[in-house]
Amino acid sequence: ARLLSGADVGIIGFGDLGRALNRLLSGFRTRTKVFDPWLPPSILIDNGVEPASLDEVLSTSDFIFVVASVTSENQGFLGADAFAGMRKGAAFILLSRAGVVDFPALMAAVKSGHIVAASDVFPEEPLARDHPVRALPGFLRSAHRAGALDIAFKRMGDMVLEDMDLIDRDLPPLRSKRAERETVSRMRSKPADRN
């Protein structure tokens, strides 16, 4: 077992979720490296993290948090080679979408004892009662429901209304973002012709 305090941490993906995670980790005084091929290094440095290659994040981290969106380019990109390149005993924490991971390869890496893993997302949801990951030692599972509370849904609605009010007053929204056609076309779940 490893302590998060003072650990070497890797984050794969540094959008809103990755940045929020980084803020949460700051109290643990981690040494954090980030791989995000869509962002310039200056944004990572400005957020107090070290830009790194995927191989560097995988090979130097005690904890790896995956918060990357699924695109047509990165589906299943974390596979057997990625897991083999991780430190022995490292923890792989999948928090975004299962589509970025070769799930059978992840399970094999955990089964071999090379790494441990945790995930709240799976290739098929709900997870079948007889899915082998349910009986896999070293693999912590949870439902993907962190925001599924009545108060969270109300707050999401309030945030939308706040942004709409700002837009009505010709001010920039705090949370809403313009969907760039090129970015949307790369997102697996959002076809560009519907933008």
Protein backbone atom coordinates (compact mmCIF):
# COMPACT_ATOMS: atom_id res chain seq x y z
CA ALA A 1 0.00 0.00 0.00
CA ARG A 2 1.13 3.54 -0.74
CA LEU A 3 0.20 6.84 0.84
CA LEU A 4 -1.22 9.57 -1.37
CA SER A 5 0.57 12.20 0.72
CA GLY A 6 3.81 13.11 -1.03
CA ALA A 7 3.25 10.53 -3.76
CA ASP A 8 4.10 10.72 -7.44
CA VAL A 9 0.78 11.23 -9.20
CA GLY A 10 -0.08 11.11 -12.88
CA ILE A 11 -3.19 12.60 -14.43
CA ILE A 12 -4.24 11.61 -17.93
CA GLY A 13 -6.53 14.33 -19.27
CA PHE A 14 -6.58 17.88 -17.92
CA GLY A 15 -9.97 19.30 -18.80
CA ASP A 16 -12.37 20.55 -16.13
CA LEU A 17 -12.36 17.23 -14.26
CA GLY A 18 -8.57 16.93 -14.34
CA ARG A 19 -8.16 20.49 -13.05
CA ALA A 20 -10.69 19.93 -10.27
CA LEU A 21 -8.87 16.73 -9.30
CA ASN A 22 -5.56 18.60 -9.25
CA ARG A 23 -7.02 21.15 -6.82
CA LEU A 24 -8.21 18.32 -4.55
CA LEU A 25 -4.77 16.72 -4.64
CA SER A 26 -2.97 19.94 -3.68
CA GLY A 27 -3.53 19.30 0.03
CA PHE A 28 -1.62 16.03 -0.27
CA ARG A 29 1.52 17.75 -1.61
CA THR A 30 1.83 15.32 -4.48
CA ARG A 31 4.33 15.59 -7.29
CA THR A 32 1.96 15.66 -10.25
CA LYS A 33 2.72 15.01 -13.91
CA VAL A 34 0.05 15.40 -16.57
CA PHE A 35 -0.40 13.97 -20.04
CA ASP A 36 -2.89 15.86 -22.21
CA PRO A 37 -2.00 16.06 -25.91
CA TRP A 38 -4.68 18.72 -26.54
CA LEU A 39 -3.22 21.34 -24.21
CA PRO A 40 -0.08 23.46 -24.51
CA PRO A 41 2.51 22.93 -21.75
CA SER A 42 1.98 26.52 -20.53
CA ILE A 43 -1.54 25.69 -19.30
CA LEU A 44 -0.23 22.72 -17.34
CA ILE A 45 2.62 24.72 -15.84
CA ASP A 46 0.23 27.56 -14.91
CA ASN A 47 -1.81 24.97 -12.98
CA GLY A 48 1.22 23.80 -11.00
CA VAL A 49 1.73 20.46 -12.72
CA GLU A 50 4.53 19.10 -14.84
CA PRO A 51 3.78 18.37 -18.51
CA ALA A 52 4.85 14.83 -19.38
CA SER A 53 4.57 12.18 -22.05
CA LEU A 54 2.17 9.31 -21.58
CA ASP A 55 5.07 6.90 -21.04
CA GLU A 56 6.58 9.20 -18.39
CA VAL A 57 3.27 9.50 -16.52
CA LEU A 58 2.81 5.74 -16.58
CA SER A 59 6.36 4.79 -15.55
CA THR A 60 6.89 7.34 -12.76
CA SER A 61 3.54 7.48 -10.95
CA ASP A 62 2.37 5.74 -7.80
CA PHE A 63 -1.22 6.74 -8.61
CA ILE A 64 -2.59 7.35 -12.10
CA PHE A 65 -5.94 9.09 -12.48
CA VAL A 66 -7.61 8.81 -15.88
CA VAL A 67 -10.05 11.63 -16.56
CA ALA A 68 -9.76 11.81 -20.36
CA SER A 69 -12.78 12.02 -22.64
CA VAL A 70 -13.22 9.37 -25.31
CA THR A 71 -12.44 10.52 -28.83
CA SER A 72 -12.13 8.70 -32.13
CA GLU A 73 -8.35 8.91 -31.62
CA ASN A 74 -7.96 7.58 -28.09
CA GLN A 75 -10.47 4.77 -27.83
CA GLY A 76 -8.76 1.88 -26.03
CA PHE A 77 -5.39 3.66 -26.07
CA LEU A 78 -4.53 2.49 -22.55
CA GLY A 79 -3.83 -1.18 -23.11
CA ALA A 80 -1.44 -3.99 -22.21
CA ASP A 81 1.71 -2.03 -23.09
CA ALA A 82 0.57 0.92 -20.97
CA PHE A 83 -0.14 -1.28 -17.95
CA ALA A 84 3.15 -3.15 -18.36
CA GLY A 85 4.94 0.22 -18.34
CA MET A 86 3.50 1.19 -14.95
CA ARG A 87 5.38 0.90 -11.68
CA LYS A 88 4.79 -2.40 -9.92
CA GLY A 89 2.10 -1.88 -7.30
CA ALA A 90 0.88 1.41 -8.77
CA ALA A 91 -2.81 2.26 -8.60
CA PHE A 92 -4.76 2.94 -11.81
CA ILE A 93 -7.92 4.95 -11.11
CA LEU A 94 -10.38 5.28 -13.99
CA LEU A 95 -12.84 8.13 -13.45
CA SER A 96 -13.93 9.27 -16.90
CA ARG A 97 -15.02 6.78 -19.56
CA ALA A 98 -14.25 3.09 -19.93
CA GLY A 99 -13.77 3.56 -23.68
CA VAL A 100 -10.24 4.94 -23.24
CA VAL A 101 -9.11 1.63 -21.71
CA ASP A 102 -8.66 -1.86 -23.11
CA PHE A 103 -10.64 -3.32 -20.22
CA PRO A 104 -9.57 -6.98 -20.61
CA ALA A 105 -5.92 -5.80 -20.60
CA LEU A 106 -6.57 -3.77 -17.43
CA MET A 107 -8.12 -6.80 -15.75
CA ALA A 108 -5.17 -8.97 -16.81
CA ALA A 109 -2.68 -6.46 -15.36
CA VAL A 110 -4.56 -6.47 -12.05
CA LYS A 111 -4.92 -10.26 -12.04
CA SER A 112 -1.16 -10.63 -12.55
CA GLY A 113 -0.53 -8.52 -9.44
CA HIS A 114 1.45 -5.91 -11.37
CA ILE A 115 -0.99 -3.08 -10.52
CA VAL A 116 -4.18 -2.44 -8.59
CA ALA A 117 -7.14 -0.57 -10.04
CA ALA A 118 -10.31 1.27 -9.17
CA SER A 119 -13.12 2.31 -11.49
CA ASP A 120 -16.61 3.69 -11.41
CA VAL A 121 -17.11 3.20 -15.16
CA PHE A 122 -17.26 -0.03 -17.14
CA PRO A 123 -17.57 -1.08 -20.80
CA GLU A 124 -21.19 -2.13 -20.25
CA GLU A 125 -23.36 -0.57 -17.59
CA PRO A 126 -24.92 -1.71 -15.48
CA LEU A 127 -22.18 -4.23 -14.87
CA ALA A 128 -23.45 -7.78 -15.34
CA ARG A 129 -23.76 -9.81 -12.15
CA ASP A 130 -21.41 -12.44 -13.55
CA HIS A 131 -18.80 -10.02 -14.95
CA PRO A 132 -15.35 -11.33 -13.95
CA VAL A 133 -14.23 -7.93 -12.61
CA ARG A 134 -16.65 -8.41 -9.70
CA ALA A 135 -14.52 -11.27 -8.33
CA LEU A 136 -11.13 -9.78 -9.19
CA PRO A 137 -8.92 -9.13 -6.12
CA GLY A 138 -7.12 -5.81 -6.39
CA PHE A 139 -9.89 -4.15 -8.39
CA LEU A 140 -12.12 -1.74 -6.47
CA ARG A 141 -15.49 -1.05 -8.09
CA SER A 142 -18.02 1.67 -7.47
CA ALA A 143 -21.12 2.99 -9.20
CA HIS A 144 -20.65 6.12 -11.35
CA ARG A 145 -23.05 8.16 -9.24
CA ALA A 146 -21.06 10.88 -7.48
CA GLY A 147 -23.28 13.63 -8.85
CA ALA A 148 -26.59 11.74 -8.81
CA LEU A 149 -28.09 13.55 -5.83
CA ASP A 150 -31.17 15.76 -5.91
CA ILE A 151 -29.15 18.69 -4.59
CA ALA A 152 -26.49 18.17 -7.29
CA PHE A 153 -29.11 18.23 -10.07
CA LYS A 154 -30.59 21.42 -8.60
CA ARG A 155 -27.15 23.02 -8.47
CA MET A 156 -26.48 22.05 -12.10
CA GLY A 157 -29.72 23.75 -13.10
CA ASP A 158 -28.78 26.84 -11.08
CA MET A 159 -25.41 27.01 -12.85
CA VAL A 160 -27.09 26.86 -16.26
CA LEU A 161 -29.48 29.65 -15.26
CA GLU A 162 -26.59 31.76 -13.95
CA ASP A 163 -24.74 31.38 -17.26
CA MET A 164 -27.89 32.18 -19.25
CA ASP A 165 -28.32 35.36 -17.20
CA LEU A 166 -24.73 36.40 -17.96
CA ILE A 167 -25.20 35.71 -21.67
CA ASP A 168 -28.43 37.77 -21.67
CA ARG A 169 -26.40 40.67 -20.26
CA ASP A 170 -23.73 40.27 -22.99
CA LEU A 171 -21.22 38.94 -20.45
CA PRO A 172 -19.17 35.76 -20.86
CA PRO A 173 -20.61 32.68 -19.14
CA LEU A 174 -18.71 31.20 -16.21
CA ARG A 175 -19.15 27.54 -17.12
CA SER A 176 -20.66 27.13 -20.57
CA LYS A 177 -18.19 26.72 -23.38
CA ARG A 178 -18.41 27.19 -27.10
CA ALA A 179 -18.42 23.87 -28.90
CA GLU A 180 -15.68 24.04 -31.51
CA ARG A 181 -16.57 21.93 -34.54
CA GLU A 182 -13.12 20.29 -34.70
CA THR A 183 -13.23 19.29 -31.03
CA VAL A 184 -16.82 18.07 -31.19
CA SER A 185 -16.05 15.98 -34.26
CA ARG A 186 -13.41 14.12 -32.22
CA MET A 187 -15.80 13.33 -29.38
CA ARG A 188 -17.20 9.85 -29.78
CA SER A 189 -20.57 10.71 -28.25
CA LYS A 190 -21.22 13.98 -30.12
CA PRO A 191 -21.41 13.78 -33.92
CA ALA A 192 -20.15 16.97 -35.59
CA ASP A 193 -23.16 17.19 -37.91
CA ARG A 194 -25.36 17.87 -34.88
CA ASN A 195 -23.32 20.78 -33.59
